[in-house]
Amino acid sequence: MEPKQRTVLVAPAWPYANGPRHIGHVAGFAVPADVLARFERMRGSRVLMASGTDEHGTPITYEADKKGIPPREFVDHNNALIVEDLRRLGMTYDIFTRTTTANHYKVTQDVFLKLHENGYLVKKTQMGAFDPVSGRTLPDRYIEGKCPICGFPDARGDQCDNCGNQLDPIDLINPHQRGSDAPVEFKDTEHFFFNLPAFRDDLTAWIHKHEESWRPNVVRYSLEYVANLKPRAITRDLDWGVPVPLPGWAENPHKRIYVWFDAVIGYLSASIEWAAQRGDPDSWKAWWEAPETPDTIHYYVMGKDNITFHSVMWPAILMGASAKEKPLHRPDYIVASEYLNTAGKKLSTSRGRVIYVRDFLERYDPDALRYYLIIAGPESQDTDFTWPEFVRRNNDELVATWGNLVHRTLVNAHRNFGAVPKPGPLTGDDQFRLGETEDAIEHVGHLLSQARFQVALRYAMTMAARANAYLSTEQPWHTIKTDRARAGTVLYVALRCVDNLKTMLTPFLPFSSQRLHEMLGYTDVIAPQPVVREFTDIDGTAHQVLTGDYPVENRWLPSKLEPGRPLPPPQALFKRLDDVPNEDEEALASS
C-alpha cells in the first residue's frame, strides 16, 4: 500500500523590509527553509512555502523619516532588494509576498475580530511614550535605554538585541530618544491587549509535547517565556500599519495593530493569497484546517530571536481565533538557529557589521554560500563566519571531495565509453559501495525530516569521500588499459554512487545539482528555480511576488541510471577559490 502523501507547510520567518539581507539573516530563515522545501517536494509531498517581507512597525517609519521619504516608498524599495537576494540564492517560495497587501490587511483584521469576539482582547490604559517638546508619539523603536534584564546599555524600546527579550519602553532604565539624549515623557494611552495568560496551561502542555522533536534552545526559551506570560499590547500609537477594525478606532489615524501581531498572521494570509492566485481559493485549507497528524506537518524556520513569536504568541493566536470544530493547525517544528557572528560579534545591519548577500553573490556562486551556511552555520550554537574558513570549505570539501569525485568519474566514463558503461559481475566491494550510498538516501531523508540539516549534509559528504576512496583504490583510468570490462564496471558503480549523492545533495546545492543531473544524461529538471511574477491584490492593485512552478514527484529514491545512457561532455561543478585579500574582507564586511 502506497504511503499517504504528506502535506507540508514550510514557513520561513518574514524578513524585515529595512534593507537588503546579510548572510546572518539567510543562515537563519532562508537556506534551511529552502533545503526543507526542496527535500519534501523531492519525496513527493505537497509543499506550500509561504512568507514575505514584514513591512510595518517603528523601524520602518524611523528609517523612512531619516531618509525623508514615505514609509511605503521605503518598503517598496527594500522589498525589491530582498526578493532579488532570495531569487539569486534559489529560495523556492510558492509565495513570497508582503504585509502591505489588501489581502493581508483583511486576514489580519478578521483574526483580530475573531479574538475580540471570543473575549481574548481587553482594553487597558498604559503609559505611552511622547516627545515632551513636540508632543508627538514616540514609537518603541525611537527609544533606547539600558535593558532591565541583562543590563545591555543600548536596548531598544521593543526588544533587547543582546538578550533577545521583548520590552516596553517604560521598562528601560534611563530611556531617551534614539540617537540623542532627548528625554521621553510617558502619558496614559488606551490600547487593546491580548490575554496571553489565558493560554498558559494549554501552551505549556503543548510545548512539553514537543520536547523530543524541538531543538533544546526552542524548548528552553518557550517554557521560560510561558512561565511569565502577561497580557501583551496588540495595538500601538502609530500611523503606519493595519487599521484597528472597530468603531471609534478604525477612524483614528494614530492607532494601528501592533506589527508583531500582523507579521505572524502573514503565514496564513500568504497561504490565502496563494490559493486565490492559483484559481482555487479554498486550497489553503488543506494545510491550515488539517488535523495534527504525521501526514500534515508545519515547519517554521527562523533565527533564535524569533522563537517566542512562533512557539508562544502565534500558537495562542491560532487557539484563540480558531473555530472549535475546525481548529487552525499549529506549528509542528520550530526550527530556530543560533546567531552567525563575525569576529565574535553578531552580524547586524543597524550596528554596521554586515556581509550582504548581494555583495557575496557578485563574487561567489550561490551553492558555495548555501553549503557553508549549513555545514558551518549556527544550527545549534553561535558560529563565526571567517573568509579563510569559507575558502577552505569550498576548496577542500566542495572542490576536492564532491567535485573531484564527480569530475574524474564523468571524465573517465565520457572519454572511454561516451555513455554509462554496461557492468560486469559486481565484486563484494562494488556491492557494498553501491548499497551504502543507496541506504544513505533514506538516512539523509530521515535526518532532513527532523530538520537536522548539518548532520544530514555531513553524512552525504562522508559518502562522497568514501566513493572517492573507492575510485582511488580501483583506479579505472589505469585498469582501462588492461581490463576494459572491469574499468567499465567500476565506472558504472561510481556513476550510480554519484547519481545517488546528487539526489541527497540537491536540496543543499540546487544549482550545481541541476548541472550534474544534465551531465548524467537526464533532460528534466530536478532543482527548479523561483521566478518573480506579478500578482493582483484583492483591491485590484498589483505587486511583485517570488514564486515558481515546482513539480512534485517522488525522486528520493536510489539511482536507476541505466547502462547505455549517453553522457555529454562534463564540466567542473565548482570553482577553486584563491584566498580573500584582507582589503576584500574588510570591504565585504562593511559594505
Protein backbone atom coordinates (compact mmCIF):
# COMPACT_ATOMS: atom_id res chain seq x y z
CA MET A 1 0.00 0.00 0.00
CA GLU A 2 1.33 3.43 -1.03
CA PRO A 3 2.08 5.75 1.93
CA LYS A 4 -0.21 8.75 2.20
CA GLN A 5 1.11 11.89 0.57
CA ARG A 6 2.38 14.40 3.11
CA THR A 7 1.02 17.95 3.17
CA VAL A 8 3.84 20.24 4.34
CA LEU A 9 3.88 23.93 5.18
CA VAL A 10 7.35 25.47 5.19
CA ALA A 11 7.10 28.86 6.88
CA PRO A 12 10.34 30.90 6.82
CA ALA A 13 10.29 33.89 9.16
CA TRP A 14 9.34 37.16 7.45
CA PRO A 15 12.45 39.27 6.77
CA TYR A 16 12.04 42.86 7.86
CA ALA A 17 11.86 45.32 4.97
CA ASN A 18 14.54 47.66 6.28
CA GLY A 19 17.22 46.81 3.73
CA PRO A 20 18.95 44.02 1.80
CA ARG A 21 19.68 40.74 3.59
CA HIS A 22 23.03 39.85 5.07
CA ILE A 23 24.38 36.31 5.34
CA GLY A 24 23.38 36.07 9.01
CA HIS A 25 19.75 36.62 8.07
CA VAL A 26 19.65 33.93 5.39
CA ALA A 27 21.52 31.46 7.63
CA GLY A 28 18.51 31.56 9.95
CA PHE A 29 15.32 31.77 7.94
CA ALA A 30 16.12 31.21 4.26
CA VAL A 31 18.61 28.49 3.36
CA PRO A 32 17.39 25.91 5.93
CA ALA A 33 13.79 26.51 4.86
CA ASP A 34 14.63 26.00 1.20
CA VAL A 35 16.50 22.78 1.99
CA LEU A 36 13.35 21.51 3.71
CA ALA A 37 11.03 22.58 0.89
CA ARG A 38 13.18 21.05 -1.84
CA PHE A 39 13.60 17.80 0.09
CA GLU A 40 9.87 17.47 0.77
CA ARG A 41 8.97 18.09 -2.87
CA MET A 42 11.57 15.52 -3.95
CA ARG A 43 9.97 12.92 -1.68
CA GLY A 44 6.56 13.64 -3.26
CA SER A 45 5.00 15.87 -0.59
CA ARG A 46 2.54 18.68 -1.31
CA VAL A 47 4.56 21.68 -0.17
CA LEU A 48 3.49 25.24 0.46
CA MET A 49 6.42 27.54 1.25
CA ALA A 50 4.84 30.84 2.24
CA SER A 51 6.25 34.07 3.61
CA GLY A 52 7.12 37.62 2.57
CA THR A 53 8.51 40.92 3.77
CA ASP A 54 7.40 42.30 7.14
CA GLU A 55 6.75 45.96 6.35
CA HIS A 56 5.10 47.64 9.33
CA GLY A 57 6.39 48.88 12.67
CA THR A 58 8.53 51.67 14.01
CA PRO A 59 11.89 50.61 12.48
CA ILE A 60 10.30 51.28 9.08
CA THR A 61 8.97 54.71 10.00
CA TYR A 62 12.24 55.55 11.77
CA GLU A 63 14.41 54.76 8.75
CA ALA A 64 11.94 56.35 6.31
CA ASP A 65 11.95 59.52 8.41
CA LYS A 66 15.74 59.59 8.33
CA LYS A 67 15.66 59.39 4.53
CA GLY A 68 12.84 61.91 4.24
CA ILE A 69 10.57 59.57 2.27
CA PRO A 70 7.15 57.97 2.99
CA PRO A 71 7.21 54.51 4.62
CA ARG A 72 5.56 52.99 1.55
CA GLU A 73 8.32 54.18 -0.74
CA PHE A 74 10.91 52.86 1.70
CA VAL A 75 9.41 49.35 1.91
CA ASP A 76 8.77 49.17 -1.85
CA HIS A 77 12.47 49.70 -2.45
CA ASN A 78 13.58 47.19 0.18
CA ASN A 79 11.06 44.54 -0.81
CA ALA A 80 12.54 44.56 -4.32
CA LEU A 81 16.08 44.19 -2.91
CA ILE A 82 15.10 41.29 -0.66
CA VAL A 83 13.19 39.48 -3.41
CA GLU A 84 16.25 39.68 -5.63
CA ASP A 85 18.54 38.40 -2.85
CA LEU A 86 16.28 35.39 -2.30
CA ARG A 87 15.81 34.70 -6.00
CA ARG A 88 19.55 34.62 -6.59
CA LEU A 89 20.01 32.24 -3.65
CA GLY A 90 17.43 29.87 -5.17
CA MET A 91 14.75 30.13 -2.47
CA THR A 92 11.79 28.16 -3.85
CA TYR A 93 8.91 30.06 -2.27
CA ASP A 94 5.47 29.19 -3.55
CA ILE A 95 4.62 32.70 -2.44
CA PHE A 96 6.87 35.41 -1.06
CA THR A 97 4.56 38.38 -0.68
CA ARG A 98 4.21 41.44 1.60
CA THR A 99 2.35 42.53 4.73
CA THR A 100 1.21 45.73 2.99
CA THR A 101 -1.28 43.97 0.71
CA ALA A 102 -5.03 44.48 1.00
CA ASN A 103 -5.36 40.71 1.37
CA HIS A 104 -3.05 40.73 4.41
CA TYR A 105 -4.93 43.65 5.96
CA LYS A 106 -8.22 41.80 5.59
CA VAL A 107 -6.95 38.50 7.06
CA THR A 108 -5.25 40.31 9.96
CA GLN A 109 -8.42 42.26 10.75
CA ASP A 110 -10.53 39.09 10.52
CA VAL A 111 -8.27 37.35 13.07
CA PHE A 112 -8.33 40.43 15.32
CA LEU A 113 -12.14 40.49 15.24
CA LYS A 114 -12.35 36.76 15.97
CA LEU A 115 -10.14 37.17 19.05
CA HIS A 116 -12.24 40.15 20.13
CA GLU A 117 -15.45 38.19 19.62
CA ASN A 118 -14.07 35.27 21.63
CA GLY A 119 -13.20 37.55 24.55
CA TYR A 120 -9.40 37.39 24.31
CA LEU A 121 -8.83 41.13 23.73
CA VAL A 122 -9.23 43.58 26.58
CA LYS A 123 -8.87 47.36 26.66
CA LYS A 124 -6.31 48.73 29.08
CA THR A 125 -4.71 52.05 29.73
CA GLN A 126 -0.93 52.06 29.71
CA MET A 127 1.84 54.57 29.71
CA GLY A 128 2.74 55.68 26.19
CA ALA A 129 5.91 57.49 25.19
CA PHE A 130 5.80 61.04 23.88
CA ASP A 131 8.26 63.78 22.95
CA PRO A 132 7.79 66.41 25.68
CA VAL A 133 8.75 69.22 23.27
CA SER A 134 6.62 68.45 20.20
CA GLY A 135 4.01 66.31 21.93
CA ARG A 136 4.19 63.68 19.17
CA THR A 137 4.02 59.94 19.86
CA LEU A 138 7.36 58.17 20.15
CA PRO A 139 7.06 54.60 18.83
CA ASP A 140 9.08 51.90 20.58
CA ARG A 141 11.95 51.85 18.10
CA TYR A 142 12.52 55.60 18.62
CA ILE A 143 13.55 54.94 22.24
CA GLU A 144 16.71 53.43 23.71
CA GLY A 145 17.95 52.74 27.21
CA LYS A 146 19.52 50.16 29.46
CA CYS A 147 17.94 46.69 29.36
CA PRO A 148 16.36 45.87 32.73
CA ILE A 149 17.05 42.16 32.21
CA CYS A 150 20.67 41.87 31.03
CA GLY A 151 21.96 45.42 31.50
CA PHE A 152 22.79 45.98 27.82
CA PRO A 153 23.18 49.79 27.51
CA ASP A 154 21.63 50.21 24.04
CA ALA A 155 18.41 48.16 24.26
CA ARG A 156 15.54 49.34 22.06
CA GLY A 157 12.06 50.17 23.29
CA ASP A 158 10.64 46.99 21.81
CA GLN A 159 13.44 44.44 22.21
CA CYS A 160 16.94 43.98 23.56
CA ASP A 161 19.35 42.96 20.80
CA ASN A 162 21.68 41.43 23.38
CA CYS A 163 19.40 39.04 25.29
CA GLY A 164 16.52 38.88 22.78
CA ASN A 165 13.77 39.68 25.30
CA GLN A 166 10.76 41.73 24.23
CA LEU A 167 10.43 45.00 26.12
CA ASP A 168 8.18 48.01 26.55
CA PRO A 169 9.78 51.48 26.50
CA ILE A 170 8.78 52.16 30.09
CA ASP A 171 10.75 49.06 31.17
CA LEU A 172 14.04 50.62 30.07
CA ILE A 173 16.42 52.16 32.57
CA ASN A 174 17.19 55.79 31.72
CA PRO A 175 15.13 55.83 28.49
CA HIS A 176 15.95 58.51 25.93
CA GLN A 177 15.19 59.26 22.31
CA ARG A 178 17.26 57.23 19.89
CA GLY A 179 20.32 59.00 18.56
CA SER A 180 20.25 61.74 21.18
CA ASP A 181 19.92 62.41 24.89
CA ALA A 182 16.48 63.99 24.41
CA PRO A 183 14.12 62.90 27.19
CA VAL A 184 10.99 60.76 26.91
CA GLU A 185 7.70 61.57 28.62
CA PHE A 186 5.18 58.82 29.47
CA LYS A 187 1.42 59.51 29.41
CA ASP A 188 -1.74 57.39 29.65
CA THR A 189 -2.96 55.94 26.34
CA GLU A 190 -5.62 53.29 25.67
CA HIS A 191 -4.88 50.05 23.83
CA PHE A 192 -6.14 46.52 23.27
CA PHE A 193 -4.20 43.75 24.98
CA PHE A 194 -4.11 40.09 24.00
CA ASN A 195 -4.85 37.93 27.05
CA LEU A 196 -1.90 35.56 26.69
CA PRO A 197 -2.16 34.21 30.27
CA ALA A 198 -5.48 32.61 29.31
CA PHE A 199 -3.47 30.15 27.19
CA ARG A 200 -0.68 29.43 29.70
CA ASP A 201 -1.74 25.89 30.64
CA ASP A 202 -2.56 24.82 27.09
CA LEU A 203 0.68 26.30 25.76
CA THR A 204 2.77 24.66 28.48
CA ALA A 205 1.29 21.23 27.79
CA TRP A 206 1.66 21.74 24.05
CA ILE A 207 5.33 22.75 24.31
CA HIS A 208 6.11 19.77 26.58
CA LYS A 209 4.56 17.52 23.92
CA HIS A 210 7.27 18.68 21.50
CA GLU A 211 10.28 18.31 23.81
CA GLU A 212 11.64 15.36 21.82
CA SER A 213 11.24 16.92 18.38
CA TRP A 214 12.16 20.57 19.00
CA ARG A 215 15.69 21.83 19.40
CA PRO A 216 16.70 22.38 23.06
CA ASN A 217 17.02 26.15 22.64
CA VAL A 218 13.41 26.35 21.38
CA VAL A 219 12.01 24.38 24.32
CA ARG A 220 14.06 26.36 26.84
CA TYR A 221 13.14 29.82 25.51
CA SER A 222 9.49 28.87 25.12
CA LEU A 223 8.97 27.40 28.59
CA GLU A 224 10.75 30.36 30.21
CA TYR A 225 8.51 32.77 28.32
CA VAL A 226 5.27 30.90 29.05
CA ALA A 227 6.06 30.78 32.75
CA ASN A 228 5.96 34.58 32.88
CA LEU A 229 3.13 35.36 30.46
CA LYS A 230 1.46 38.75 30.71
CA PRO A 231 -1.23 40.38 28.57
CA ARG A 232 0.54 41.89 25.57
CA ALA A 233 -0.44 45.07 23.73
CA ILE A 234 -1.90 44.33 20.33
CA THR A 235 -2.39 47.95 19.20
CA ARG A 236 0.04 50.85 19.11
CA ASP A 237 0.10 54.65 18.72
CA LEU A 238 1.24 54.72 15.11
CA ASP A 239 0.08 55.96 11.74
CA TRP A 240 1.71 53.14 9.72
CA GLY A 241 0.20 49.67 9.89
CA VAL A 242 -3.06 47.73 9.72
CA PRO A 243 -6.03 49.81 10.96
CA VAL A 244 -7.90 48.57 14.02
CA PRO A 245 -11.26 47.23 12.68
CA LEU A 246 -13.56 48.54 15.42
CA PRO A 247 -15.86 51.59 15.62
CA GLY A 248 -14.06 54.59 17.08
CA TRP A 249 -10.69 53.00 16.33
CA ALA A 250 -10.77 52.46 12.58
CA GLU A 251 -11.26 56.21 12.04
CA ASN A 252 -8.32 57.15 14.28
CA PRO A 253 -5.24 57.77 12.08
CA HIS A 254 -2.89 57.29 15.04
CA LYS A 255 -3.99 53.82 16.18
CA ARG A 256 -2.76 50.71 14.38
CA ILE A 257 -2.45 46.97 15.03
CA TYR A 258 0.94 46.16 16.53
CA VAL A 259 3.43 44.77 14.00
CA TRP A 260 4.26 41.62 15.99
CA PHE A 261 0.64 40.53 15.67
CA ASP A 262 0.15 41.21 11.98
CA ALA A 263 3.53 39.72 10.99
CA VAL A 264 2.86 36.20 12.32
CA ILE A 265 -0.59 36.23 10.71
CA GLY A 266 1.29 36.63 7.44
CA TYR A 267 1.79 32.87 7.14
CA LEU A 268 -1.97 32.43 6.97
CA SER A 269 -2.65 35.49 4.78
CA ALA A 270 0.10 34.49 2.32
CA SER A 271 -1.41 30.99 2.06
CA ILE A 272 -4.83 32.50 1.35
CA GLU A 273 -3.33 34.82 -1.28
CA TRP A 274 -1.51 31.92 -2.93
CA ALA A 275 -4.73 29.88 -3.11
CA ALA A 276 -6.66 32.77 -4.69
CA GLN A 277 -3.93 33.42 -7.26
CA ARG A 278 -3.94 29.83 -8.44
CA GLY A 279 -7.73 29.94 -9.01
CA ASP A 280 -8.59 27.58 -6.15
CA PRO A 281 -9.44 29.94 -3.27
CA ASP A 282 -10.16 27.19 -0.73
CA SER A 283 -6.99 25.17 -1.34
CA TRP A 284 -5.18 26.83 1.61
CA LYS A 285 -7.47 24.85 3.92
CA ALA A 286 -5.67 21.60 3.06
CA TRP A 287 -2.73 22.95 5.07
CA TRP A 288 -4.44 25.05 7.73
CA GLU A 289 -7.58 23.10 8.60
CA ALA A 290 -5.90 19.69 8.51
CA PRO A 291 -5.60 17.78 11.80
CA GLU A 292 -2.23 17.48 13.51
CA THR A 293 -1.10 14.13 12.14
CA PRO A 294 2.21 12.78 10.72
CA ASP A 295 0.78 13.41 7.25
CA THR A 296 0.37 17.17 7.72
CA ILE A 297 3.46 18.93 9.03
CA HIS A 298 4.18 22.63 9.60
CA TYR A 299 7.82 23.71 9.79
CA TYR A 300 8.61 27.26 10.97
CA VAL A 301 12.19 28.33 10.25
CA MET A 302 13.91 31.31 11.88
CA GLY A 303 16.74 32.74 13.94
CA LYS A 304 16.59 32.37 17.72
CA ASP A 305 15.42 35.96 18.24
CA ASN A 306 12.08 34.97 16.71
CA ILE A 307 11.40 31.84 18.76
CA THR A 308 8.74 33.05 21.20
CA PHE A 309 6.71 34.76 18.48
CA HIS A 310 6.30 31.36 16.81
CA SER A 311 6.27 28.98 19.79
CA VAL A 312 4.05 31.03 22.11
CA MET A 313 2.29 34.01 20.56
CA TRP A 314 1.36 32.57 17.17
CA PRO A 315 0.01 29.30 18.66
CA ALA A 316 -2.00 31.35 21.17
CA ILE A 317 -3.48 33.42 18.33
CA LEU A 318 -4.37 30.24 16.44
CA MET A 319 -6.01 28.78 19.56
CA GLY A 320 -7.93 31.94 20.31
CA ALA A 321 -9.14 32.64 16.77
CA SER A 322 -9.98 29.08 15.69
CA ALA A 323 -13.45 27.63 15.49
CA LYS A 324 -13.65 24.62 17.81
CA GLU A 325 -14.92 22.37 15.05
CA LYS A 326 -12.08 23.41 12.69
CA PRO A 327 -9.02 24.43 14.71
CA LEU A 328 -6.22 26.01 12.71
CA HIS A 329 -3.07 23.89 12.54
CA ARG A 330 -0.35 24.90 14.98
CA PRO A 331 3.41 24.59 14.38
CA ASP A 332 4.84 21.09 14.46
CA TYR A 333 8.51 22.07 14.23
CA ILE A 334 10.06 25.35 15.37
CA VAL A 335 13.37 25.24 13.54
CA ALA A 336 15.42 28.01 15.16
CA SER A 337 19.11 28.62 14.52
CA GLU A 338 21.55 30.48 16.73
CA TYR A 339 23.49 33.56 15.53
CA LEU A 340 26.07 33.75 12.76
CA ASN A 341 28.82 36.05 14.03
CA THR A 342 31.90 37.62 12.58
CA ALA A 343 34.91 38.27 14.82
CA GLY A 344 32.78 37.04 17.72
CA LYS A 345 30.08 39.67 17.23
CA LYS A 346 26.58 39.19 15.84
CA LEU A 347 26.11 40.32 12.25
CA SER A 348 23.94 43.41 12.49
CA THR A 349 22.80 45.90 9.88
CA SER A 350 21.96 48.54 12.48
CA ARG A 351 25.44 48.27 14.00
CA GLY A 352 27.32 48.20 10.71
CA ARG A 353 28.59 44.60 10.92
CA VAL A 354 27.29 43.06 7.71
CA ILE A 355 28.20 40.93 4.72
CA TYR A 356 25.33 41.46 2.31
CA VAL A 357 24.02 38.54 0.26
CA ARG A 358 24.02 40.65 -2.90
CA ASP A 359 27.72 41.53 -2.47
CA PHE A 360 28.61 37.92 -1.69
CA LEU A 361 26.87 36.64 -4.82
CA GLU A 362 28.63 39.19 -7.01
CA ARG A 363 31.85 37.26 -6.27
CA TYR A 364 30.87 33.70 -5.38
CA ASP A 365 28.41 31.05 -6.53
CA PRO A 366 25.19 30.62 -4.53
CA ASP A 367 25.86 26.93 -3.83
CA ALA A 368 29.16 27.82 -2.15
CA LEU A 369 27.33 30.14 0.24
CA ARG A 370 24.45 27.69 0.80
CA TYR A 371 26.95 24.92 1.58
CA TYR A 372 28.88 27.00 4.09
CA LEU A 373 25.76 28.26 5.88
CA ILE A 374 24.63 24.67 6.50
CA ILE A 375 27.90 22.81 7.09
CA ALA A 376 29.48 25.52 9.28
CA GLY A 377 26.40 27.53 10.18
CA PRO A 378 24.71 28.29 13.50
CA GLU A 379 22.25 25.38 13.57
CA SER A 380 22.78 24.53 17.24
CA GLN A 381 25.24 27.13 18.54
CA ASP A 382 26.56 30.57 17.63
CA THR A 383 29.28 30.27 14.97
CA ASP A 384 31.79 32.65 13.43
CA PHE A 385 31.96 33.32 9.70
CA THR A 386 35.55 33.77 8.52
CA TRP A 387 36.83 34.14 5.00
CA PRO A 388 39.66 31.61 5.40
CA GLU A 389 37.16 29.01 6.60
CA PHE A 390 34.78 29.78 3.73
CA VAL A 391 37.63 29.34 1.22
CA ARG A 392 38.84 26.16 2.95
CA ARG A 393 35.38 24.59 2.98
CA ASN A 394 34.88 25.40 -0.68
CA ASN A 395 38.27 24.11 -1.81
CA ASP A 396 38.73 21.09 0.49
CA GLU A 397 35.15 19.85 0.53
CA LEU A 398 33.11 21.09 -2.43
CA VAL A 399 36.00 21.05 -4.91
CA ALA A 400 38.41 18.39 -3.61
CA THR A 401 35.86 15.86 -2.31
CA TRP A 402 32.50 16.11 -4.07
CA GLY A 403 33.62 17.99 -7.17
CA ASN A 404 36.65 15.73 -7.63
CA LEU A 405 34.53 12.58 -7.39
CA VAL A 406 32.11 13.90 -9.99
CA HIS A 407 34.81 15.16 -12.33
CA ARG A 408 37.01 12.10 -12.51
CA THR A 409 34.06 9.73 -12.71
CA LEU A 410 32.38 11.60 -15.55
CA VAL A 411 35.58 12.46 -17.42
CA ASN A 412 36.72 8.83 -17.49
CA ALA A 413 33.27 7.47 -18.35
CA HIS A 414 32.74 10.02 -21.13
CA ARG A 415 36.27 9.72 -22.55
CA ASN A 416 36.38 5.92 -22.60
CA PHE A 417 32.73 4.93 -23.12
CA GLY A 418 30.70 8.01 -24.11
CA ALA A 419 27.81 6.55 -22.15
CA VAL A 420 27.05 4.77 -18.90
CA PRO A 421 29.11 1.55 -19.18
CA LYS A 422 27.46 -1.84 -19.03
CA PRO A 423 28.69 -3.51 -15.83
CA GLY A 424 30.11 -6.97 -15.46
CA PRO A 425 29.77 -9.02 -12.29
CA LEU A 426 29.95 -6.85 -9.15
CA THR A 427 32.53 -7.67 -6.50
CA GLY A 428 31.74 -7.51 -2.80
CA ASP A 429 33.37 -4.07 -2.62
CA ASP A 430 31.30 -2.89 -5.59
CA GLN A 431 28.08 -4.08 -3.98
CA PHE A 432 28.96 -2.59 -0.61
CA ARG A 433 29.81 0.82 -2.05
CA LEU A 434 26.64 0.95 -4.11
CA GLY A 435 24.47 -0.34 -1.27
CA GLU A 436 25.89 2.14 1.22
CA THR A 437 25.07 5.15 -0.94
CA GLU A 438 21.58 3.77 -1.62
CA ASP A 439 20.96 3.27 2.10
CA ALA A 440 22.28 6.80 2.73
CA ILE A 441 19.38 8.29 0.77
CA GLU A 442 16.94 7.00 3.35
CA HIS A 443 19.15 8.04 6.26
CA VAL A 444 19.71 11.57 4.96
CA GLY A 445 15.99 11.88 4.29
CA HIS A 446 15.20 10.87 7.86
CA LEU A 447 17.60 13.50 9.19
CA LEU A 448 16.14 16.19 6.94
CA SER A 449 12.58 15.39 8.03
CA GLN A 450 13.78 16.18 11.57
CA ALA A 451 15.40 19.43 10.35
CA ARG A 452 18.88 18.11 11.22
CA PHE A 453 20.49 19.79 8.23
CA GLN A 454 24.10 19.87 9.34
CA VAL A 455 24.27 16.18 10.25
CA ALA A 456 22.49 15.26 7.02
CA LEU A 457 24.93 17.24 4.88
CA ARG A 458 27.96 15.89 6.71
CA TYR A 459 26.71 12.33 6.22
CA ALA A 460 26.22 12.90 2.49
CA MET A 461 29.72 14.36 2.19
CA THR A 462 31.11 11.37 4.10
CA MET A 463 29.51 9.14 1.49
CA ALA A 464 31.16 11.25 -1.23
CA ALA A 465 34.55 10.83 0.46
CA ARG A 466 34.07 7.06 0.66
CA ALA A 467 33.09 6.87 -3.01
CA ASN A 468 36.21 8.88 -3.79
CA ALA A 469 38.31 6.40 -1.83
CA TYR A 470 36.70 3.52 -3.74
CA LEU A 471 37.58 5.16 -7.04
CA SER A 472 41.16 5.84 -5.92
CA THR A 473 41.56 2.19 -4.91
CA GLU A 474 40.11 0.76 -8.11
CA GLN A 475 41.78 3.32 -10.45
CA PRO A 476 39.69 2.63 -13.59
CA TRP A 477 41.87 5.10 -15.56
CA HIS A 478 44.69 2.56 -15.23
CA THR A 479 42.56 -0.59 -15.42
CA ILE A 480 41.11 0.53 -18.76
CA LYS A 481 44.49 -0.27 -20.36
CA THR A 482 44.37 -3.94 -19.38
CA ASP A 483 40.77 -4.81 -18.48
CA ARG A 484 38.20 -2.62 -20.18
CA ALA A 485 35.26 -4.61 -18.80
CA ARG A 486 36.43 -4.18 -15.19
CA ALA A 487 37.09 -0.47 -15.70
CA GLY A 488 33.58 -0.14 -17.08
CA THR A 489 32.11 -1.93 -14.07
CA VAL A 490 33.92 0.35 -11.62
CA LEU A 491 32.80 3.45 -13.50
CA TYR A 492 29.23 2.15 -13.60
CA VAL A 493 29.28 1.74 -9.79
CA ALA A 494 30.87 5.19 -9.39
CA LEU A 495 28.26 6.79 -11.68
CA ARG A 496 25.44 5.20 -9.69
CA CYS A 497 27.03 6.49 -6.47
CA VAL A 498 27.34 9.97 -7.97
CA ASP A 499 23.68 9.82 -9.03
CA ASN A 500 22.63 8.81 -5.51
CA LEU A 501 24.75 11.57 -3.98
CA LYS A 502 23.25 14.07 -6.41
CA THR A 503 19.82 13.23 -5.02
CA MET A 504 20.98 13.71 -1.43
CA LEU A 505 22.73 16.99 -2.20
CA THR A 506 20.11 18.60 -4.43
CA PRO A 507 18.24 20.31 -1.55
CA PHE A 508 21.52 21.85 -0.36
CA LEU A 509 23.22 22.54 -3.72
CA PRO A 510 20.43 23.01 -6.28
CA PHE A 511 22.38 24.95 -8.92
CA SER A 512 25.29 22.53 -9.25
CA SER A 513 22.98 19.51 -8.79
CA GLN A 514 20.91 20.54 -11.80
CA ARG A 515 24.06 20.87 -13.90
CA LEU A 516 25.20 17.44 -12.70
CA HIS A 517 21.77 15.99 -13.45
CA GLU A 518 22.19 17.08 -17.07
CA MET A 519 25.79 15.81 -17.23
CA LEU A 520 24.44 12.39 -16.22
CA GLY A 521 22.29 12.47 -19.34
CA TYR A 522 18.94 13.46 -17.82
CA THR A 523 16.82 16.02 -19.66
CA ASP A 524 14.31 17.02 -16.96
CA VAL A 525 14.52 19.44 -14.04
CA ILE A 526 15.45 18.13 -10.61
CA ALA A 527 16.17 21.53 -9.00
CA PRO A 528 13.68 24.15 -10.22
CA GLN A 529 14.36 27.81 -9.51
CA PRO A 530 12.00 30.59 -8.39
CA VAL A 531 10.80 33.45 -10.59
CA VAL A 532 9.31 36.89 -9.96
CA ARG A 533 5.72 37.31 -11.11
CA GLU A 534 3.03 39.95 -10.72
CA PHE A 535 0.03 39.12 -8.53
CA THR A 536 -3.17 41.14 -8.45
CA ASP A 537 -4.36 42.02 -4.94
CA ILE A 538 -8.00 41.89 -3.79
CA ASP A 539 -8.22 45.67 -4.24
CA GLY A 540 -7.07 45.44 -7.88
CA THR A 541 -3.52 46.71 -7.32
CA ALA A 542 -0.52 44.66 -8.44
CA HIS A 543 2.66 43.68 -6.63
CA GLN A 544 5.71 41.51 -7.36
CA VAL A 545 5.86 38.06 -5.78
CA LEU A 546 8.61 35.44 -5.68
CA THR A 547 7.02 32.17 -6.73
CA GLY A 548 7.57 29.27 -9.10
CA ASP A 549 6.39 26.04 -10.67
CA TYR A 550 7.84 23.16 -8.70
CA PRO A 551 6.97 19.66 -9.88
CA VAL A 552 6.03 17.18 -7.15
CA GLU A 553 7.33 13.70 -7.90
CA ASN A 554 8.92 11.08 -5.69
CA ARG A 555 12.60 11.36 -6.63
CA TRP A 556 14.03 10.49 -3.21
CA LEU A 557 14.94 7.04 -4.48
CA PRO A 558 18.08 5.07 -5.36
CA SER A 559 19.60 5.72 -8.77
CA LYS A 560 18.15 3.95 -11.77
CA LEU A 561 20.86 5.19 -14.13
CA GLU A 562 20.74 2.62 -16.92
CA PRO A 563 23.70 1.33 -18.95
CA GLY A 564 23.94 2.86 -22.39
CA ARG A 565 22.61 6.32 -21.41
CA PRO A 566 24.68 8.85 -23.43
CA LEU A 567 26.87 11.14 -21.33
CA PRO A 568 27.51 14.69 -22.56
CA PRO A 569 30.94 16.30 -22.09
CA PRO A 570 31.42 17.02 -18.36
CA GLN A 571 32.31 20.37 -16.81
CA ALA A 572 33.68 21.25 -13.40
CA LEU A 573 30.93 21.68 -10.79
CA PHE A 574 32.74 24.17 -8.54
CA LYS A 575 35.44 26.82 -8.74
CA ARG A 576 38.58 26.64 -6.67
CA LEU A 577 38.93 29.91 -4.75
CA ASP A 578 42.00 31.99 -4.00
CA ASP A 579 42.48 33.39 -0.53
CA VAL A 580 40.43 36.51 0.06
CA PRO A 581 42.74 39.55 0.34
CA ASN A 582 42.46 41.50 3.57
CA GLU A 583 41.09 44.57 1.83
CA ASP A 584 38.34 42.50 0.23
CA GLU A 585 37.45 41.02 3.62
CA GLU A 586 37.08 44.49 5.04
CA ALA A 587 35.10 45.76 2.05
CA LEU A 588 32.64 42.86 2.09
CA ALA A 589 32.23 43.00 5.86
CA SER A 590 31.28 46.67 5.89
CA SER A 591 29.66 47.26 2.51
